[in-house]
Amino acid sequence: VLKGIAKTLSVSFKIAKVAHENNVACICADLTVNP
C-alpha cells in the first residue's frame, strides 16, 4: 500500500521500486485527505 499522503512521497517512491522489482502489486490508500 502506497501512502504518499501519509508516509511521504519520498518513502512511497522507494516502496514502489521494491514492489516493481519483486512483481508485487500496489494500491494507493487514503488518509481522508483534502481535495
All heavy atoms as atom14 arrays in JSON, in Angstrom:
{
  "sequence": "VLKGIAKTLSVSFKIAKVAHENNVACICADLTVNP",
  "atom14_mask": [
    [1, 1, 1, 1, 1, 1, 1, 0, 0, 0, 0, 0, 0, 0],
    [1, 1, 1, 1, 1, 1, 1, 1, 0, 0, 0, 0, 0, 0],
    [1, 1, 1, 1, 1, 1, 1, 1, 1, 0, 0, 0, 0, 0],
    [1, 1, 1, 1, 0, 0, 0, 0, 0, 0, 0, 0, 0, 0],
    [1, 1, 1, 1, 1, 1, 1, 1, 0, 0, 0, 0, 0, 0],
    [1, 1, 1, 1, 1, 0, 0, 0, 0, 0, 0, 0, 0, 0],
    [1, 1, 1, 1, 1, 1, 1, 1, 1, 0, 0, 0, 0, 0],
    [1, 1, 1, 1, 1, 1, 1, 0, 0, 0, 0, 0, 0, 0],
    [1, 1, 1, 1, 1, 1, 1, 1, 0, 0, 0, 0, 0, 0],
    [1, 1, 1, 1, 1, 1, 0, 0, 0, 0, 0, 0, 0, 0],
    [1, 1, 1, 1, 1, 1, 1, 0, 0, 0, 0, 0, 0, 0],
    [1, 1, 1, 1, 1, 1, 0, 0, 0, 0, 0, 0, 0, 0],
    [1, 1, 1, 1, 1, 1, 1, 1, 1, 1, 1, 0, 0, 0],
    [1, 1, 1, 1, 1, 1, 1, 1, 1, 0, 0, 0, 0, 0],
    [1, 1, 1, 1, 1, 1, 1, 1, 0, 0, 0, 0, 0, 0],
    [1, 1, 1, 1, 1, 0, 0, 0, 0, 0, 0, 0, 0, 0],
    [1, 1, 1, 1, 1, 1, 1, 1, 1, 0, 0, 0, 0, 0],
    [1, 1, 1, 1, 1, 1, 1, 0, 0, 0, 0, 0, 0, 0],
    [1, 1, 1, 1, 1, 0, 0, 0, 0, 0, 0, 0, 0, 0],
    [1, 1, 1, 1, 1, 1, 1, 1, 1, 1, 0, 0, 0, 0],
    [1, 1, 1, 1, 1, 1, 1, 1, 1, 0, 0, 0, 0, 0],
    [1, 1, 1, 1, 1, 1, 1, 1, 0, 0, 0, 0, 0, 0],
    [1, 1, 1, 1, 1, 1, 1, 1, 0, 0, 0, 0, 0, 0],
    [1, 1, 1, 1, 1, 1, 1, 0, 0, 0, 0, 0, 0, 0],
    [1, 1, 1, 1, 1, 0, 0, 0, 0, 0, 0, 0, 0, 0],
    [1, 1, 1, 1, 1, 1, 0, 0, 0, 0, 0, 0, 0, 0],
    [1, 1, 1, 1, 1, 1, 1, 1, 0, 0, 0, 0, 0, 0],
    [1, 1, 1, 1, 1, 1, 0, 0, 0, 0, 0, 0, 0, 0],
    [1, 1, 1, 1, 1, 0, 0, 0, 0, 0, 0, 0, 0, 0],
    [1, 1, 1, 1, 1, 1, 1, 1, 0, 0, 0, 0, 0, 0],
    [1, 1, 1, 1, 1, 1, 1, 1, 0, 0, 0, 0, 0, 0],
    [1, 1, 1, 1, 1, 1, 1, 0, 0, 0, 0, 0, 0, 0],
    [1, 1, 1, 1, 1, 1, 1, 0, 0, 0, 0, 0, 0, 0],
    [1, 1, 1, 1, 1, 1, 1, 1, 0, 0, 0, 0, 0, 0],
    [1, 1, 1, 1, 1, 1, 1, 0, 0, 0, 0, 0, 0, 0]
  ],
  "atom14_positions": [
    [[0.85, -1.19, 0.0], [0.0, 0.0, 0.0], [0.89, 1.24, 0.0], [1.72, 1.41, 0.89], [-0.93, 0.01, 1.22], [-1.78, 1.29, 1.24], [-1.82, -1.23, 1.22], [0.0, 0.0, 0.0], [0.0, 0.0, 0.0], [0.0, 0.0, 0.0], [0.0, 0.0, 0.0], [0.0, 0.0, 0.0], [0.0, 0.0, 0.0], [0.0, 0.0, 0.0]],
    [[0.72, 2.09, -1.0], [1.45, 3.35, -1.07], [0.6, 4.45, -0.47], [-0.58, 4.58, -0.78], [1.79, 3.7, -2.52], [2.61, 2.66, -3.31], [2.92, 3.21, -4.7], [3.9, 2.3, -2.58], [0.0, 0.0, 0.0], [0.0, 0.0, 0.0], [0.0, 0.0, 0.0], [0.0, 0.0, 0.0], [0.0, 0.0, 0.0], [0.0, 0.0, 0.0]],
    [[1.22, 5.24, 0.41], [0.52, 6.36, 1.02], [1.42, 7.59, 0.97], [2.0, 8.01, 1.96], [0.12, 6.03, 2.46], [-1.12, 5.17, 2.56], [-1.64, 5.09, 3.98], [-3.02, 4.44, 4.01], [-3.55, 4.31, 5.38], [0.0, 0.0, 0.0], [0.0, 0.0, 0.0], [0.0, 0.0, 0.0], [0.0, 0.0, 0.0], [0.0, 0.0, 0.0]],
    [[1.51, 8.15, -0.24], [2.29, 9.37, -0.37], [1.74, 10.49, 0.47], [2.47, 11.41, 0.84], [0.0, 0.0, 0.0], [0.0, 0.0, 0.0], [0.0, 0.0, 0.0], [0.0, 0.0, 0.0], [0.0, 0.0, 0.0], [0.0, 0.0, 0.0], [0.0, 0.0, 0.0], [0.0, 0.0, 0.0], [0.0, 0.0, 0.0], [0.0, 0.0, 0.0]],
    [[0.46, 10.4, 0.82], [-0.19, 11.45, 1.61], [-0.16, 11.13, 3.11], [-0.68, 11.9, 3.9], [-1.64, 11.67, 1.13], [-2.35, 10.33, 0.78], [-1.64, 12.54, -0.13], [-2.7, 9.48, 1.94], [0.0, 0.0, 0.0], [0.0, 0.0, 0.0], [0.0, 0.0, 0.0], [0.0, 0.0, 0.0], [0.0, 0.0, 0.0], [0.0, 0.0, 0.0]],
    [[0.45, 10.01, 3.49], [0.55, 9.64, 4.9], [1.97, 9.32, 5.32], [2.37, 9.58, 6.45], [-0.35, 8.45, 5.21], [0.0, 0.0, 0.0], [0.0, 0.0, 0.0], [0.0, 0.0, 0.0], [0.0, 0.0, 0.0], [0.0, 0.0, 0.0], [0.0, 0.0, 0.0], [0.0, 0.0, 0.0], [0.0, 0.0, 0.0], [0.0, 0.0, 0.0]],
    [[2.75, 8.7, 4.41], [4.12, 8.29, 4.74], [5.17, 9.07, 3.95], [6.34, 8.69, 3.96], [4.3, 6.8, 4.45], [3.44, 5.86, 5.28], [3.81, 4.43, 4.95], [2.9, 3.44, 5.6], [3.27, 2.05, 5.27], [0.0, 0.0, 0.0], [0.0, 0.0, 0.0], [0.0, 0.0, 0.0], [0.0, 0.0, 0.0], [0.0, 0.0, 0.0]],
    [[4.77, 10.08, 3.25], [5.58, 10.94, 2.39], [5.74, 10.33, 1.0], [5.76, 9.11, 0.82], [6.99, 11.24, 2.93], [7.84, 10.11, 2.8], [6.94, 11.72, 4.38], [0.0, 0.0, 0.0], [0.0, 0.0, 0.0], [0.0, 0.0, 0.0], [0.0, 0.0, 0.0], [0.0, 0.0, 0.0], [0.0, 0.0, 0.0], [0.0, 0.0, 0.0]],
    [[5.85, 11.23, 0.04], [6.08, 10.83, -1.34], [7.45, 10.17, -1.48], [7.62, 9.22, -2.23], [5.98, 12.05, -2.25], [6.02, 11.81, -3.75], [4.85, 10.94, -4.2], [6.0, 13.14, -4.5], [0.0, 0.0, 0.0], [0.0, 0.0, 0.0], [0.0, 0.0, 0.0], [0.0, 0.0, 0.0], [0.0, 0.0, 0.0], [0.0, 0.0, 0.0]],
    [[8.43, 10.67, -0.72], [9.78, 10.11, -0.78], [9.8, 8.63, -0.42], [10.4, 7.81, -1.12], [10.72, 10.88, 0.16], [10.93, 12.2, -0.3], [0.0, 0.0, 0.0], [0.0, 0.0, 0.0], [0.0, 0.0, 0.0], [0.0, 0.0, 0.0], [0.0, 0.0, 0.0], [0.0, 0.0, 0.0], [0.0, 0.0, 0.0], [0.0, 0.0, 0.0]],
    [[9.13, 8.27, 0.67], [9.07, 6.86, 1.08], [8.28, 6.06, 0.05], [8.65, 4.92, -0.29], [8.44, 6.73, 2.47], [8.15, 5.27, 2.81], [9.38, 7.32, 3.54], [0.0, 0.0, 0.0], [0.0, 0.0, 0.0], [0.0, 0.0, 0.0], [0.0, 0.0, 0.0], [0.0, 0.0, 0.0], [0.0, 0.0, 0.0], [0.0, 0.0, 0.0]],
    [[7.2, 6.61, -0.48], [6.37, 5.89, -1.45], [7.13, 5.57, -2.72], [6.96, 4.49, -3.3], [5.12, 6.71, -1.78], [4.31, 6.85, -0.63], [0.0, 0.0, 0.0], [0.0, 0.0, 0.0], [0.0, 0.0, 0.0], [0.0, 0.0, 0.0], [0.0, 0.0, 0.0], [0.0, 0.0, 0.0], [0.0, 0.0, 0.0], [0.0, 0.0, 0.0]],
    [[7.98, 6.49, -3.19], [8.82, 6.19, -4.35], [9.68, 4.95, -4.09], [9.81, 4.06, -4.94], [9.74, 7.38, -4.65], [9.08, 8.53, -5.36], [9.69, 9.77, -5.4], [7.85, 8.38, -6.0], [9.1, 10.84, -6.07], [7.25, 9.45, -6.66], [7.87, 10.68, -6.69], [0.0, 0.0, 0.0], [0.0, 0.0, 0.0], [0.0, 0.0, 0.0]],
    [[10.27, 4.88, -2.91], [11.16, 3.77, -2.58], [10.39, 2.45, -2.49], [10.85, 1.41, -2.99], [11.87, 4.04, -1.25], [12.82, 5.23, -1.3], [13.45, 5.49, 0.05], [14.4, 6.68, 0.0], [15.04, 6.94, 1.32], [0.0, 0.0, 0.0], [0.0, 0.0, 0.0], [0.0, 0.0, 0.0], [0.0, 0.0, 0.0], [0.0, 0.0, 0.0]],
    [[9.2, 2.47, -1.88], [8.4, 1.24, -1.75], [7.89, 0.79, -3.12], [7.84, -0.41, -3.42], [7.24, 1.45, -0.77], [7.76, 1.88, 0.61], [6.41, 0.19, -0.65], [8.78, 0.95, 1.22], [0.0, 0.0, 0.0], [0.0, 0.0, 0.0], [0.0, 0.0, 0.0], [0.0, 0.0, 0.0], [0.0, 0.0, 0.0], [0.0, 0.0, 0.0]],
    [[7.51, 1.73, -3.97], [7.06, 1.39, -5.33], [8.18, 0.69, -6.1], [7.93, -0.24, -6.88], [6.61, 2.65, -6.06], [0.0, 0.0, 0.0], [0.0, 0.0, 0.0], [0.0, 0.0, 0.0], [0.0, 0.0, 0.0], [0.0, 0.0, 0.0], [0.0, 0.0, 0.0], [0.0, 0.0, 0.0], [0.0, 0.0, 0.0], [0.0, 0.0, 0.0]],
    [[9.41, 1.12, -5.9], [10.55, 0.5, -6.58], [10.72, -0.95, -6.12], [10.94, -1.86, -6.93], [11.82, 1.3, -6.3], [13.09, 0.77, -6.96], [14.25, 1.73, -6.72], [15.54, 1.24, -7.36], [16.09, 0.05, -6.66], [0.0, 0.0, 0.0], [0.0, 0.0, 0.0], [0.0, 0.0, 0.0], [0.0, 0.0, 0.0], [0.0, 0.0, 0.0]],
    [[10.6, -1.2, -4.8], [10.71, -2.56, -4.28], [9.59, -3.43, -4.85], [9.83, -4.58, -5.26], [10.64, -2.57, -2.74], [10.55, -3.99, -2.2], [11.87, -1.88, -2.15], [0.0, 0.0, 0.0], [0.0, 0.0, 0.0], [0.0, 0.0, 0.0], [0.0, 0.0, 0.0], [0.0, 0.0, 0.0], [0.0, 0.0, 0.0], [0.0, 0.0, 0.0]],
    [[8.37, -2.91, -4.89], [7.25, -3.68, -5.43], [7.48, -4.05, -6.89], [7.25, -5.2, -7.3], [5.96, -2.86, -5.3], [0.0, 0.0, 0.0], [0.0, 0.0, 0.0], [0.0, 0.0, 0.0], [0.0, 0.0, 0.0], [0.0, 0.0, 0.0], [0.0, 0.0, 0.0], [0.0, 0.0, 0.0], [0.0, 0.0, 0.0], [0.0, 0.0, 0.0]],
    [[7.95, -3.1, -7.68], [8.19, -3.35, -9.09], [9.26, -4.41, -9.3], [9.13, -5.31, -10.14], [8.6, -2.04, -9.77], [8.79, -2.15, -11.25], [10.03, -2.37, -11.83], [7.9, -2.1, -12.28], [9.89, -2.43, -13.13], [8.62, -2.26, -13.44], [0.0, 0.0, 0.0], [0.0, 0.0, 0.0], [0.0, 0.0, 0.0], [0.0, 0.0, 0.0]],
    [[10.32, -4.35, -8.53], [11.42, -5.3, -8.66], [11.03, -6.71, -8.23], [11.66, -7.68, -8.64], [12.61, -4.81, -7.82], [13.27, -3.56, -8.39], [14.3, -2.95, -7.44], [14.34, -3.35, -6.25], [15.05, -2.07, -7.89], [0.0, 0.0, 0.0], [0.0, 0.0, 0.0], [0.0, 0.0, 0.0], [0.0, 0.0, 0.0], [0.0, 0.0, 0.0]],
    [[9.98, -6.82, -7.41], [9.55, -8.13, -6.91], [8.2, -8.57, -7.48], [7.59, -9.52, -6.98], [9.48, -8.11, -5.38], [10.86, -8.04, -4.74], [11.49, -9.06, -4.52], [11.32, -6.83, -4.46], [0.0, 0.0, 0.0], [0.0, 0.0, 0.0], [0.0, 0.0, 0.0], [0.0, 0.0, 0.0], [0.0, 0.0, 0.0], [0.0, 0.0, 0.0]],
    [[7.74, -7.87, -8.53], [6.49, -8.23, -9.22], [5.31, -8.28, -8.25], [4.5, -9.21, -8.26], [6.63, -9.57, -9.94], [5.53, -9.79, -10.96], [5.01, -8.83, -11.54], [5.16, -11.04, -11.18], [0.0, 0.0, 0.0], [0.0, 0.0, 0.0], [0.0, 0.0, 0.0], [0.0, 0.0, 0.0], [0.0, 0.0, 0.0], [0.0, 0.0, 0.0]],
    [[5.23, -7.28, -7.39], [4.17, -7.18, -6.4], [3.31, -5.96, -6.75], [3.82, -4.92, -7.15], [4.77, -7.04, -4.98], [3.75, -6.56, -3.99], [5.35, -8.38, -4.54], [0.0, 0.0, 0.0], [0.0, 0.0, 0.0], [0.0, 0.0, 0.0], [0.0, 0.0, 0.0], [0.0, 0.0, 0.0], [0.0, 0.0, 0.0], [0.0, 0.0, 0.0]],
    [[2.0, -6.09, -6.59], [1.07, -5.02, -6.93], [1.11, -3.9, -5.89], [1.55, -4.09, -4.76], [-0.35, -5.57, -7.04], [0.0, 0.0, 0.0], [0.0, 0.0, 0.0], [0.0, 0.0, 0.0], [0.0, 0.0, 0.0], [0.0, 0.0, 0.0], [0.0, 0.0, 0.0], [0.0, 0.0, 0.0], [0.0, 0.0, 0.0], [0.0, 0.0, 0.0]],
    [[0.62, -2.73, -6.29], [0.49, -1.6, -5.38], [-0.91, -1.0, -5.51], [-1.54, -1.06, -6.57], [1.51, -0.51, -5.69], [3.21, -0.89, -5.26], [0.0, 0.0, 0.0], [0.0, 0.0, 0.0], [0.0, 0.0, 0.0], [0.0, 0.0, 0.0], [0.0, 0.0, 0.0], [0.0, 0.0, 0.0], [0.0, 0.0, 0.0], [0.0, 0.0, 0.0]],
    [[-1.38, -0.43, -4.41], [-2.57, 0.42, -4.45], [-2.24, 1.7, -3.69], [-1.23, 1.78, -2.98], [-3.8, -0.25, -3.81], [-3.61, -0.4, -2.29], [-4.11, -1.58, -4.45], [-4.9, -0.65, -1.54], [0.0, 0.0, 0.0], [0.0, 0.0, 0.0], [0.0, 0.0, 0.0], [0.0, 0.0, 0.0], [0.0, 0.0, 0.0], [0.0, 0.0, 0.0]],
    [[-3.09, 2.7, -3.83], [-2.94, 3.94, -3.07], [-4.13, 4.1, -2.13], [-5.27, 4.23, -2.59], [-2.83, 5.14, -4.01], [-1.25, 5.25, -4.88], [0.0, 0.0, 0.0], [0.0, 0.0, 0.0], [0.0, 0.0, 0.0], [0.0, 0.0, 0.0], [0.0, 0.0, 0.0], [0.0, 0.0, 0.0], [0.0, 0.0, 0.0], [0.0, 0.0, 0.0]],
    [[-3.87, 4.05, -0.83], [-4.94, 4.17, 0.17], [-4.97, 5.58, 0.74], [-3.96, 6.29, 0.78], [-4.73, 3.14, 1.28], [0.0, 0.0, 0.0], [0.0, 0.0, 0.0], [0.0, 0.0, 0.0], [0.0, 0.0, 0.0], [0.0, 0.0, 0.0], [0.0, 0.0, 0.0], [0.0, 0.0, 0.0], [0.0, 0.0, 0.0], [0.0, 0.0, 0.0]],
    [[-6.13, 5.97, 1.23], [-6.38, 7.34, 1.65], [-6.03, 7.56, 3.12], [-5.82, 6.62, 3.89], [-7.85, 7.69, 1.42], [-8.1, 9.19, 1.36], [-7.13, 9.96, 1.38], [-9.28, 9.59, 1.29], [0.0, 0.0, 0.0], [0.0, 0.0, 0.0], [0.0, 0.0, 0.0], [0.0, 0.0, 0.0], [0.0, 0.0, 0.0], [0.0, 0.0, 0.0]],
    [[-6.01, 8.82, 3.5], [-5.89, 9.24, 4.89], [-6.98, 10.28, 5.16], [-6.84, 11.12, 6.03], [-4.51, 9.84, 5.16], [-4.08, 9.98, 6.61], [-3.78, 8.62, 7.22], [-2.85, 10.87, 6.73], [0.0, 0.0, 0.0], [0.0, 0.0, 0.0], [0.0, 0.0, 0.0], [0.0, 0.0, 0.0], [0.0, 0.0, 0.0], [0.0, 0.0, 0.0]],
    [[-8.06, 10.22, 4.36], [-9.12, 11.24, 4.4], [-8.51, 12.61, 4.15], [-8.65, 13.54, 4.95], [-9.89, 11.2, 5.74], [-10.21, 9.85, 6.06], [-11.2, 11.99, 5.63], [0.0, 0.0, 0.0], [0.0, 0.0, 0.0], [0.0, 0.0, 0.0], [0.0, 0.0, 0.0], [0.0, 0.0, 0.0], [0.0, 0.0, 0.0], [0.0, 0.0, 0.0]],
    [[-7.84, 12.74, 3.01], [-7.13, 13.97, 2.7], [-8.03, 14.97, 1.99], [-9.12, 14.66, 1.52], [-5.88, 13.68, 1.85], [-4.89, 12.82, 2.62], [-6.24, 13.04, 0.51], [0.0, 0.0, 0.0], [0.0, 0.0, 0.0], [0.0, 0.0, 0.0], [0.0, 0.0, 0.0], [0.0, 0.0, 0.0], [0.0, 0.0, 0.0], [0.0, 0.0, 0.0]],
    [[-7.52, 16.2, 1.92], [-8.25, 17.29, 1.26], [-8.16, 17.16, -0.26], [-7.38, 16.35, -0.77], [-7.73, 18.64, 1.76], [-6.26, 18.85, 1.44], [-5.85, 18.82, 0.28], [-5.44, 19.06, 2.48], [0.0, 0.0, 0.0], [0.0, 0.0, 0.0], [0.0, 0.0, 0.0], [0.0, 0.0, 0.0], [0.0, 0.0, 0.0], [0.0, 0.0, 0.0]],
    [[-8.96, 17.93, -1.01], [-9.01, 17.76, -2.46], [-7.68, 17.93, -3.19], [-7.4, 17.2, -4.14], [-10.02, 18.82, -2.9], [-10.94, 18.96, -1.72], [-10.03, 18.84, -0.53], [0.0, 0.0, 0.0], [0.0, 0.0, 0.0], [0.0, 0.0, 0.0], [0.0, 0.0, 0.0], [0.0, 0.0, 0.0], [0.0, 0.0, 0.0], [0.0, 0.0, 0.0]]
  ]
}
